[in-house]
Amino acid sequence: MLLGYNTNGLQNHRLDEALRLLADHGYQAVAITPDVCHLDPFRTSAREVEAIASVLARLGLVPTMETGARFVLDPTHKHEPTLMTPDAAARERRFEFTTRVARIGRDLGARVVSFWSGIDRMPQVDSPQRLLDGVRRSCELIRAVGLTPSLEPEPGMAVATVADWRLVKAALGGESPALTLDVGHLHVQDEGDVAAICQEVAPLLAQVHLEDQRRGVHEHLLPGDGDLDFAAVLRGLAAGPYAGPVCFELPRHCHMAPLAVKRCRDTWASSR
């Protein structure tokens, strides 16, 4: 497995300096969240992407792509629009964003684009079909660029659990995405033995997120501030086996990123 970190927890750093910080602490991978502060998909030039690709190669960091920017599409509504937004034109903006992220990822040398469904804020009779159509379209757009699409269950969203992801997979068959597993979400949703689930789904994984959490409370915490058993989680993933990036995701700790990066690295080292 590759120790990684998500750039959504490094938003107070310039991206090239954030990448050097990770490399200096022994990280091997980085989950890049294109956002208004890092590789804005609507404003970043090809030359800027090329420069970051050069930094990644020089530092030996394996990139994966994330689509969880909060206000990049709508400055007044967090994460909107999504695959579940009723307005078709608004959903097209989400699809355009996904395509732009995938293209940036291709140029950076990434292999995976991770995405989520969004919250179904206005449940309607066509909501299930809208979800499947949105996931299918996202997968098509990502694959057209040459990358692997990977769907992340997120508490409160239309696809909230691994069980929900399995339903999507069953419905879409060969068109379905891989699984992005946020281990903390398993703990929050109380889906069962976390380590056992990690081992079970390991062959289906394209990306893993990691952070501490308290059971039943969706709040990304520094290792040691919750009650997740990191050693058991890493054993489960390794036994799967899973050998890809495992990226700590701490978007609310940007103000203390150097300390958070070190603490996650130390937890990783002591848990293996």
C-alpha atoms as a PDB file:
ATOM      1  CA  MET A   1       0.000   0.000   0.000  1.00  0.00           C
ATOM      2  CA  LEU A   2       1.052   3.581  -0.637  1.00  0.00           C
ATOM      3  CA  LEU A   3       0.851   6.211   2.087  1.00  0.00           C
ATOM      4  CA  GLY A   4      -1.023   9.231   0.721  1.00  0.00           C
ATOM      5  CA  TYR A   5      -2.710  12.479   1.697  1.00  0.00           C
ATOM      6  CA  ASN A   6      -5.561  14.492   0.159  1.00  0.00           C
ATOM      7  CA  THR A   7      -4.816  18.047  -0.978  1.00  0.00           C
ATOM      8  CA  ASN A   8      -8.166  19.176   0.410  1.00  0.00           C
ATOM      9  CA  GLY A   9      -6.302  19.156   3.732  1.00  0.00           C
ATOM     10  CA  LEU A  10      -3.513  21.352   2.341  1.00  0.00           C
ATOM     11  CA  GLN A  11      -5.521  24.286   1.007  1.00  0.00           C
ATOM     12  CA  ASN A  12      -3.484  26.906   2.852  1.00  0.00           C
ATOM     13  CA  HIS A  13      -0.374  25.735   1.000  1.00  0.00           C
ATOM     14  CA  ARG A  14       0.645  26.371  -2.590  1.00  0.00           C
ATOM     15  CA  LEU A  15       0.238  23.047  -4.349  1.00  0.00           C
ATOM     16  CA  ASP A  16       3.891  22.541  -5.250  1.00  0.00           C
ATOM     17  CA  GLU A  17       4.922  23.327  -1.663  1.00  0.00           C
ATOM     18  CA  ALA A  18       2.227  20.975  -0.329  1.00  0.00           C
ATOM     19  CA  LEU A  19       3.584  18.172  -2.496  1.00  0.00           C
ATOM     20  CA  ARG A  20       7.113  18.787  -1.233  1.00  0.00           C
ATOM     21  CA  LEU A  21       5.816  18.686   2.339  1.00  0.00           C
ATOM     22  CA  LEU A  22       4.339  15.248   1.713  1.00  0.00           C
ATOM     23  CA  ALA A  23       7.474  13.943   0.055  1.00  0.00           C
ATOM     24  CA  ASP A  24       9.633  15.252   2.893  1.00  0.00           C
ATOM     25  CA  HIS A  25       7.546  13.150   5.307  1.00  0.00           C
ATOM     26  CA  GLY A  26       7.869   9.989   3.258  1.00  0.00           C
ATOM     27  CA  TYR A  27       4.498   9.992   1.497  1.00  0.00           C
ATOM     28  CA  GLN A  28       4.255   7.995  -1.723  1.00  0.00           C
ATOM     29  CA  ALA A  29       0.873   9.104  -3.092  1.00  0.00           C
ATOM     30  CA  VAL A  30      -1.392  12.134  -3.200  1.00  0.00           C
ATOM     31  CA  ALA A  31      -5.136  12.473  -3.770  1.00  0.00           C
ATOM     32  CA  ILE A  32      -5.492  15.728  -5.693  1.00  0.00           C
ATOM     33  CA  THR A  33      -8.723  17.676  -5.265  1.00  0.00           C
ATOM     34  CA  PRO A  34      -8.826  20.306  -8.043  1.00  0.00           C
ATOM     35  CA  ASP A  35     -10.377  23.359  -6.423  1.00  0.00           C
ATOM     36  CA  VAL A  36     -10.355  27.142  -6.552  1.00  0.00           C
ATOM     37  CA  CYS A  37      -6.994  27.088  -4.746  1.00  0.00           C
ATOM     38  CA  HIS A  38      -5.364  24.097  -6.477  1.00  0.00           C
ATOM     39  CA  LEU A  39      -5.576  23.449 -10.232  1.00  0.00           C
ATOM     40  CA  ASP A  40      -8.968  25.129 -10.674  1.00  0.00           C
ATOM     41  CA  PRO A  41     -10.438  23.051 -13.534  1.00  0.00           C
ATOM     42  CA  PHE A  42     -11.973  26.143 -15.120  1.00  0.00           C
ATOM     43  CA  ARG A  43      -8.947  28.442 -14.891  1.00  0.00           C
ATOM     44  CA  THR A  44      -5.757  26.382 -14.786  1.00  0.00           C
ATOM     45  CA  SER A  45      -3.569  26.450 -17.886  1.00  0.00           C
ATOM     46  CA  ALA A  46      -1.940  23.455 -19.546  1.00  0.00           C
ATOM     47  CA  ARG A  47       1.436  24.921 -18.571  1.00  0.00           C
ATOM     48  CA  GLU A  48       0.454  24.963 -14.878  1.00  0.00           C
ATOM     49  CA  VAL A  49      -0.698  21.344 -15.058  1.00  0.00           C
ATOM     50  CA  GLU A  50       2.555  20.397 -16.770  1.00  0.00           C
ATOM     51  CA  ALA A  51       4.535  22.083 -13.995  1.00  0.00           C
ATOM     52  CA  ILE A  52       2.713  20.084 -11.291  1.00  0.00           C
ATOM     53  CA  ALA A  53       3.167  16.879 -13.293  1.00  0.00           C
ATOM     54  CA  SER A  54       6.897  17.575 -13.268  1.00  0.00           C
ATOM     55  CA  VAL A  55       6.882  18.087  -9.492  1.00  0.00           C
ATOM     56  CA  LEU A  56       4.965  14.839  -8.947  1.00  0.00           C
ATOM     57  CA  ALA A  57       7.410  12.904 -11.101  1.00  0.00           C
ATOM     58  CA  ARG A  58      10.446  14.433  -9.426  1.00  0.00           C
ATOM     59  CA  LEU A  59       9.091  13.681  -5.937  1.00  0.00           C
ATOM     60  CA  GLY A  60       7.903  10.189  -6.818  1.00  0.00           C
ATOM     61  CA  LEU A  61       4.301  10.842  -5.733  1.00  0.00           C
ATOM     62  CA  VAL A  62       1.567   8.723  -7.327  1.00  0.00           C
ATOM     63  CA  PRO A  63      -1.498  10.933  -8.024  1.00  0.00           C
ATOM     64  CA  THR A  64      -5.167  10.058  -7.922  1.00  0.00           C
ATOM     65  CA  MET A  65      -7.971  12.532  -8.645  1.00  0.00           C
ATOM     66  CA  GLU A  66     -10.828  13.642  -6.381  1.00  0.00           C
ATOM     67  CA  THR A  67     -13.968  15.614  -7.288  1.00  0.00           C
ATOM     68  CA  GLY A  68     -15.041  16.791  -3.831  1.00  0.00           C
ATOM     69  CA  ALA A  69     -14.367  20.540  -4.145  1.00  0.00           C
ATOM     70  CA  ARG A  70     -16.980  22.393  -2.104  1.00  0.00           C
ATOM     71  CA  PHE A  71     -17.803  25.597  -4.003  1.00  0.00           C
ATOM     72  CA  VAL A  72     -16.035  25.305  -7.353  1.00  0.00           C
ATOM     73  CA  LEU A  73     -19.339  24.932  -9.248  1.00  0.00           C
ATOM     74  CA  ASP A  74     -21.596  27.116  -7.096  1.00  0.00           C
ATOM     75  CA  PRO A  75     -20.147  29.735  -4.717  1.00  0.00           C
ATOM     76  CA  THR A  76     -23.320  29.741  -2.613  1.00  0.00           C
ATOM     77  CA  HIS A  77     -24.186  26.033  -2.261  1.00  0.00           C
ATOM     78  CA  LYS A  78     -21.699  23.439  -1.006  1.00  0.00           C
ATOM     79  CA  HIS A  79     -20.984  20.579  -3.429  1.00  0.00           C
ATOM     80  CA  GLU A  80     -23.825  21.559  -5.781  1.00  0.00           C
ATOM     81  CA  PRO A  81     -24.855  20.650  -8.414  1.00  0.00           C
ATOM     82  CA  THR A  82     -24.479  16.865  -8.127  1.00  0.00           C
ATOM     83  CA  LEU A  83     -25.685  13.759  -9.928  1.00  0.00           C
ATOM     84  CA  MET A  84     -28.909  14.036  -7.927  1.00  0.00           C
ATOM     85  CA  THR A  85     -29.752  17.652  -8.815  1.00  0.00           C
ATOM     86  CA  PRO A  86     -33.156  17.615 -10.601  1.00  0.00           C
ATOM     87  CA  ASP A  87     -32.229  20.315 -13.114  1.00  0.00           C
ATOM     88  CA  ALA A  88     -30.627  18.678 -16.153  1.00  0.00           C
ATOM     89  CA  ALA A  89     -28.601  21.754 -17.136  1.00  0.00           C
ATOM     90  CA  ALA A  90     -27.117  21.920 -13.653  1.00  0.00           C
ATOM     91  CA  ARG A  91     -26.162  18.244 -13.814  1.00  0.00           C
ATOM     92  CA  GLU A  92     -24.361  18.979 -17.080  1.00  0.00           C
ATOM     93  CA  ARG A  93     -22.116  21.380 -15.185  1.00  0.00           C
ATOM     94  CA  ARG A  94     -21.200  18.510 -12.851  1.00  0.00           C
ATOM     95  CA  PHE A  95     -20.410  16.287 -15.823  1.00  0.00           C
ATOM     96  CA  GLU A  96     -18.271  19.011 -17.406  1.00  0.00           C
ATOM     97  CA  PHE A  97     -16.382  19.371 -14.125  1.00  0.00           C
ATOM     98  CA  THR A  98     -15.827  15.610 -13.961  1.00  0.00           C
ATOM     99  CA  THR A  99     -14.438  15.611 -17.493  1.00  0.00           C
ATOM    100  CA  ARG A 100     -12.104  18.506 -16.748  1.00  0.00           C
ATOM    101  CA  VAL A 101     -10.794  16.774 -13.622  1.00  0.00           C
ATOM    102  CA  ALA A 102     -10.239  13.573 -15.575  1.00  0.00           C
ATOM    103  CA  ARG A 103      -8.262  15.435 -18.242  1.00  0.00           C
ATOM    104  CA  ILE A 104      -6.106  17.108 -15.612  1.00  0.00           C
ATOM    105  CA  GLY A 105      -5.568  13.708 -14.034  1.00  0.00           C
ATOM    106  CA  ARG A 106      -4.516  12.193 -17.347  1.00  0.00           C
ATOM    107  CA  ASP A 107      -1.951  14.962 -17.820  1.00  0.00           C
ATOM    108  CA  LEU A 108      -0.655  14.475 -14.275  1.00  0.00           C
ATOM    109  CA  GLY A 109      -0.217  10.736 -14.736  1.00  0.00           C
ATOM    110  CA  ALA A 110      -3.165   9.676 -12.552  1.00  0.00           C
ATOM    111  CA  ARG A 111      -5.102   6.476 -13.164  1.00  0.00           C
ATOM    112  CA  VAL A 112      -8.219   6.975 -11.015  1.00  0.00           C
ATOM    113  CA  VAL A 113     -10.943   9.610 -10.693  1.00  0.00           C
ATOM    114  CA  SER A 114     -13.025   9.325  -7.530  1.00  0.00           C
ATOM    115  CA  PHE A 115     -16.543  10.810  -7.386  1.00  0.00           C
ATOM    116  CA  TRP A 116     -19.708  10.607  -5.297  1.00  0.00           C
ATOM    117  CA  SER A 117     -23.448  10.766  -5.987  1.00  0.00           C
ATOM    118  CA  GLY A 118     -24.480  13.854  -4.048  1.00  0.00           C
ATOM    119  CA  ILE A 119     -27.422  14.360  -1.715  1.00  0.00           C
ATOM    120  CA  ASP A 120     -30.932  13.757  -3.067  1.00  0.00           C
ATOM    121  CA  ARG A 121     -32.349  17.020  -1.702  1.00  0.00           C
ATOM    122  CA  MET A 122     -35.642  16.732  -3.635  1.00  0.00           C
ATOM    123  CA  PRO A 123     -36.539  13.008  -3.763  1.00  0.00           C
ATOM    124  CA  GLN A 124     -38.755  12.251  -6.737  1.00  0.00           C
ATOM    125  CA  VAL A 125     -40.086   9.156  -8.430  1.00  0.00           C
ATOM    126  CA  ASP A 126     -37.231   9.309 -10.944  1.00  0.00           C
ATOM    127  CA  SER A 127     -34.494   9.642  -8.300  1.00  0.00           C
ATOM    128  CA  PRO A 128     -33.261   6.023  -8.599  1.00  0.00           C
ATOM    129  CA  GLN A 129     -33.006   6.293 -12.376  1.00  0.00           C
ATOM    130  CA  ARG A 130     -31.344   9.713 -12.141  1.00  0.00           C
ATOM    131  CA  LEU A 131     -28.729   8.175  -9.852  1.00  0.00           C
ATOM    132  CA  LEU A 132     -27.970   5.298 -12.204  1.00  0.00           C
ATOM    133  CA  ASP A 133     -27.914   7.553 -15.258  1.00  0.00           C
ATOM    134  CA  GLY A 134     -25.592   9.977 -13.490  1.00  0.00           C
ATOM    135  CA  VAL A 135     -23.166   7.283 -12.355  1.00  0.00           C
ATOM    136  CA  ARG A 136     -23.186   5.672 -15.797  1.00  0.00           C
ATOM    137  CA  ARG A 137     -22.522   9.009 -17.527  1.00  0.00           C
ATOM    138  CA  SER A 138     -19.731   9.888 -15.090  1.00  0.00           C
ATOM    139  CA  CYS A 139     -18.085   6.532 -15.727  1.00  0.00           C
ATOM    140  CA  GLU A 140     -18.336   6.993 -19.489  1.00  0.00           C
ATOM    141  CA  LEU A 141     -16.736  10.443 -19.332  1.00  0.00           C
ATOM    142  CA  ILE A 142     -13.883   9.293 -17.100  1.00  0.00           C
ATOM    143  CA  ARG A 143     -13.198   6.166 -19.148  1.00  0.00           C
ATOM    144  CA  ALA A 144     -13.232   8.212 -22.358  1.00  0.00           C
ATOM    145  CA  VAL A 145     -10.210  10.100 -21.008  1.00  0.00           C
ATOM    146  CA  GLY A 146      -8.493   6.802 -20.186  1.00  0.00           C
ATOM    147  CA  LEU A 147      -8.888   6.741 -16.398  1.00  0.00           C
ATOM    148  CA  THR A 148     -10.724   4.440 -13.999  1.00  0.00           C
ATOM    149  CA  PRO A 149     -13.958   5.783 -12.417  1.00  0.00           C
ATOM    150  CA  SER A 150     -14.420   5.028  -8.726  1.00  0.00           C
ATOM    151  CA  LEU A 151     -17.559   5.816  -6.698  1.00  0.00           C
ATOM    152  CA  GLU A 152     -17.294   6.785  -3.027  1.00  0.00           C
ATOM    153  CA  PRO A 153     -20.175   6.113  -0.623  1.00  0.00           C
ATOM    154  CA  GLU A 154     -20.661   9.211   1.519  1.00  0.00           C
ATOM    155  CA  PRO A 155     -22.919   9.516   4.607  1.00  0.00           C
ATOM    156  CA  GLY A 156     -26.120  11.363   3.776  1.00  0.00           C
ATOM    157  CA  MET A 157     -25.774  10.978   0.021  1.00  0.00           C
ATOM    158  CA  ALA A 158     -27.810   8.851  -2.368  1.00  0.00           C
ATOM    159  CA  VAL A 159     -24.982   6.307  -2.275  1.00  0.00           C
ATOM    160  CA  ALA A 160     -24.174   6.364   1.423  1.00  0.00           C
ATOM    161  CA  THR A 161     -22.877   2.870   2.192  1.00  0.00           C
ATOM    162  CA  VAL A 162     -20.979  -0.008   0.632  1.00  0.00           C
ATOM    163  CA  ALA A 163     -24.351  -1.781   0.394  1.00  0.00           C
ATOM    164  CA  ASP A 164     -25.659   1.136  -1.711  1.00  0.00           C
ATOM    165  CA  TRP A 165     -22.571   0.897  -3.920  1.00  0.00           C
ATOM    166  CA  ARG A 166     -23.254  -2.813  -4.420  1.00  0.00           C
ATOM    167  CA  LEU A 167     -26.792  -2.005  -5.606  1.00  0.00           C
ATOM    168  CA  VAL A 168     -25.382   0.419  -8.172  1.00  0.00           C
ATOM    169  CA  LYS A 169     -22.864  -2.175  -9.273  1.00  0.00           C
ATOM    170  CA  ALA A 170     -25.561  -4.807  -9.682  1.00  0.00           C
ATOM    171  CA  ALA A 171     -27.746  -2.439 -11.705  1.00  0.00           C
ATOM    172  CA  LEU A 172     -24.992  -1.201 -14.037  1.00  0.00           C
ATOM    173  CA  GLY A 173     -23.048  -4.420 -14.481  1.00  0.00           C
ATOM    174  CA  GLY A 174     -20.043  -3.893 -16.728  1.00  0.00           C
ATOM    175  CA  GLU A 175     -20.660  -0.135 -16.802  1.00  0.00           C
ATOM    176  CA  SER A 176     -20.295   0.184 -13.026  1.00  0.00           C
ATOM    177  CA  PRO A 177     -17.480   2.047 -11.277  1.00  0.00           C
ATOM    178  CA  ALA A 178     -14.837   0.703  -8.940  1.00  0.00           C
ATOM    179  CA  LEU A 179     -15.140   1.452  -5.223  1.00  0.00           C
ATOM    180  CA  THR A 180     -13.537   4.331  -3.353  1.00  0.00           C
ATOM    181  CA  LEU A 181     -13.654   3.332   0.291  1.00  0.00           C
ATOM    182  CA  ASP A 182     -13.497   5.917   3.044  1.00  0.00           C
ATOM    183  CA  VAL A 183     -12.710   3.697   6.005  1.00  0.00           C
ATOM    184  CA  GLY A 184     -13.961   6.284   8.488  1.00  0.00           C
ATOM    185  CA  HIS A 185     -17.370   6.246   6.807  1.00  0.00           C
ATOM    186  CA  LEU A 186     -17.711   2.539   7.572  1.00  0.00           C
ATOM    187  CA  HIS A 187     -17.195   3.414  11.219  1.00  0.00           C
ATOM    188  CA  VAL A 188     -19.655   6.325  11.109  1.00  0.00           C
ATOM    189  CA  GLN A 189     -22.372   4.292   9.407  1.00  0.00           C
ATOM    190  CA  ASP A 190     -21.731   1.265  11.642  1.00  0.00           C
ATOM    191  CA  GLU A 191     -21.709  -1.036   8.619  1.00  0.00           C
ATOM    192  CA  GLY A 192     -20.081  -3.864  10.540  1.00  0.00           C
ATOM    193  CA  ASP A 193     -16.576  -5.000  11.414  1.00  0.00           C
ATOM    194  CA  VAL A 194     -14.465  -2.351   9.679  1.00  0.00           C
ATOM    195  CA  ALA A 195     -11.350  -4.471   9.204  1.00  0.00           C
ATOM    196  CA  ALA A 196     -13.376  -7.406   7.870  1.00  0.00           C
ATOM    197  CA  ILE A 197     -15.170  -5.182   5.358  1.00  0.00           C
ATOM    198  CA  CYS A 198     -11.841  -3.703   4.234  1.00  0.00           C
ATOM    199  CA  GLN A 199     -10.542  -7.192   3.526  1.00  0.00           C
ATOM    200  CA  GLU A 200     -13.760  -8.246   1.786  1.00  0.00           C
ATOM    201  CA  VAL A 201     -13.951  -5.297  -0.620  1.00  0.00           C
ATOM    202  CA  ALA A 202     -10.198  -4.958  -1.253  1.00  0.00           C
ATOM    203  CA  PRO A 203     -10.363  -6.585  -4.721  1.00  0.00           C
ATOM    204  CA  LEU A 204     -12.990  -4.004  -5.752  1.00  0.00           C
ATOM    205  CA  LEU A 205     -11.049  -0.944  -4.621  1.00  0.00           C
ATOM    206  CA  ALA A 206      -9.444   1.739  -6.754  1.00  0.00           C
ATOM    207  CA  GLN A 207      -8.867   4.255  -3.946  1.00  0.00           C
ATOM    208  CA  VAL A 208      -8.954   4.374  -0.135  1.00  0.00           C
ATOM    209  CA  HIS A 209      -9.458   7.334   2.187  1.00  0.00           C
ATOM    210  CA  LEU A 210      -8.490   7.201   5.837  1.00  0.00           C
ATOM    211  CA  GLU A 211      -8.964   9.340   8.937  1.00  0.00           C
ATOM    212  CA  ASP A 212     -10.070   8.869  12.517  1.00  0.00           C
ATOM    213  CA  GLN A 213     -13.782   9.087  13.363  1.00  0.00           C
ATOM    214  CA  ARG A 214     -16.133   8.393  16.224  1.00  0.00           C
ATOM    215  CA  ARG A 215     -18.854   5.849  15.663  1.00  0.00           C
ATOM    216  CA  GLY A 216     -22.022   7.555  14.460  1.00  0.00           C
ATOM    217  CA  VAL A 217     -20.477  11.032  14.013  1.00  0.00           C
ATOM    218  CA  HIS A 218     -19.364  12.098  10.530  1.00  0.00           C
ATOM    219  CA  GLU A 219     -16.387  14.273  11.426  1.00  0.00           C
ATOM    220  CA  HIS A 220     -12.917  13.728   9.967  1.00  0.00           C
ATOM    221  CA  LEU A 221     -10.462  13.642  12.875  1.00  0.00           C
ATOM    222  CA  LEU A 222      -6.744  13.390  13.364  1.00  0.00           C
ATOM    223  CA  PRO A 223      -5.498   9.904  14.230  1.00  0.00           C
ATOM    224  CA  GLY A 224      -5.944   9.389  17.952  1.00  0.00           C
ATOM    225  CA  ASP A 225      -8.875  11.811  18.285  1.00  0.00           C
ATOM    226  CA  GLY A 226     -11.465   9.138  17.456  1.00  0.00           C
ATOM    227  CA  ASP A 227     -11.796   5.429  18.093  1.00  0.00           C
ATOM    228  CA  LEU A 228     -10.808   3.800  14.785  1.00  0.00           C
ATOM    229  CA  ASP A 229      -8.389   0.862  15.019  1.00  0.00           C
ATOM    230  CA  PHE A 230      -5.837   1.807  12.362  1.00  0.00           C
ATOM    231  CA  ALA A 231      -3.714  -1.320  12.773  1.00  0.00           C
ATOM    232  CA  ALA A 232      -6.721  -3.579  12.188  1.00  0.00           C
ATOM    233  CA  VAL A 233      -7.781  -1.546   9.154  1.00  0.00           C
ATOM    234  CA  LEU A 234      -4.363  -1.760   7.510  1.00  0.00           C
ATOM    235  CA  ARG A 235      -4.172  -5.485   8.235  1.00  0.00           C
ATOM    236  CA  GLY A 236      -7.554  -5.974   6.609  1.00  0.00           C
ATOM    237  CA  LEU A 237      -6.596  -4.020   3.485  1.00  0.00           C
ATOM    238  CA  ALA A 238      -3.269  -5.828   3.183  1.00  0.00           C
ATOM    239  CA  ALA A 239      -4.963  -9.204   3.549  1.00  0.00           C
ATOM    240  CA  GLY A 240      -7.445  -8.334   0.788  1.00  0.00           C
ATOM    241  CA  PRO A 241      -4.995  -7.715  -0.769  1.00  0.00           C
ATOM    242  CA  TYR A 242      -5.023  -4.008  -1.638  1.00  0.00           C
ATOM    243  CA  ALA A 243      -1.792  -2.394  -2.821  1.00  0.00           C
ATOM    244  CA  GLY A 244      -2.884   1.070  -3.987  1.00  0.00           C
ATOM    245  CA  PRO A 245      -2.944   4.537  -2.373  1.00  0.00           C
ATOM    246  CA  VAL A 246      -4.380   4.995   1.117  1.00  0.00           C
ATOM    247  CA  CYS A 247      -4.855   8.743   1.459  1.00  0.00           C
ATOM    248  CA  PHE A 248      -5.525  10.492   4.743  1.00  0.00           C
ATOM    249  CA  GLU A 249      -8.357  13.001   4.298  1.00  0.00           C
ATOM    250  CA  LEU A 250      -8.418  15.893   6.766  1.00  0.00           C
ATOM    251  CA  PRO A 251     -10.045  18.899   5.052  1.00  0.00           C
ATOM    252  CA  ARG A 252     -10.707  20.689   8.338  1.00  0.00           C
ATOM    253  CA  HIS A 253      -7.068  20.632   9.431  1.00  0.00           C
ATOM    254  CA  CYS A 254      -5.538  22.889   6.781  1.00  0.00           C
ATOM    255  CA  HIS A 255      -4.596  25.387   9.489  1.00  0.00           C
ATOM    256  CA  MET A 256      -2.266  22.811  11.032  1.00  0.00           C
ATOM    257  CA  ALA A 257      -1.341  20.804   7.971  1.00  0.00           C
ATOM    258  CA  PRO A 258       2.371  20.259   8.749  1.00  0.00           C
ATOM    259  CA  LEU A 259       1.479  18.761  12.131  1.00  0.00           C
ATOM    260  CA  ALA A 260      -1.391  16.724  10.654  1.00  0.00           C
ATOM    261  CA  VAL A 261       0.834  15.358   7.885  1.00  0.00           C
ATOM    262  CA  LYS A 262       3.417  14.248  10.444  1.00  0.00           C
ATOM    263  CA  ARG A 263       0.836  12.725  12.792  1.00  0.00           C
ATOM    264  CA  CYS A 264      -0.731  10.694   9.991  1.00  0.00           C
ATOM    265  CA  ARG A 265       2.694   9.499   8.876  1.00  0.00           C
ATOM    266  CA  ASP A 266       3.564   8.457  12.411  1.00  0.00           C
ATOM    267  CA  THR A 267       0.245   6.623  12.800  1.00  0.00           C
ATOM    268  CA  TRP A 268       0.833   4.805   9.534  1.00  0.00           C
ATOM    269  CA  ALA A 269       4.320   3.730  10.616  1.00  0.00           C
ATOM    270  CA  SER A 270       3.205   2.527  14.052  1.00  0.00           C
ATOM    271  CA  SER A 271       0.143   0.661  12.726  1.00  0.00           C
ATOM    272  CA  ARG A 272       1.910  -1.563  10.204  1.00  0.00           C
END
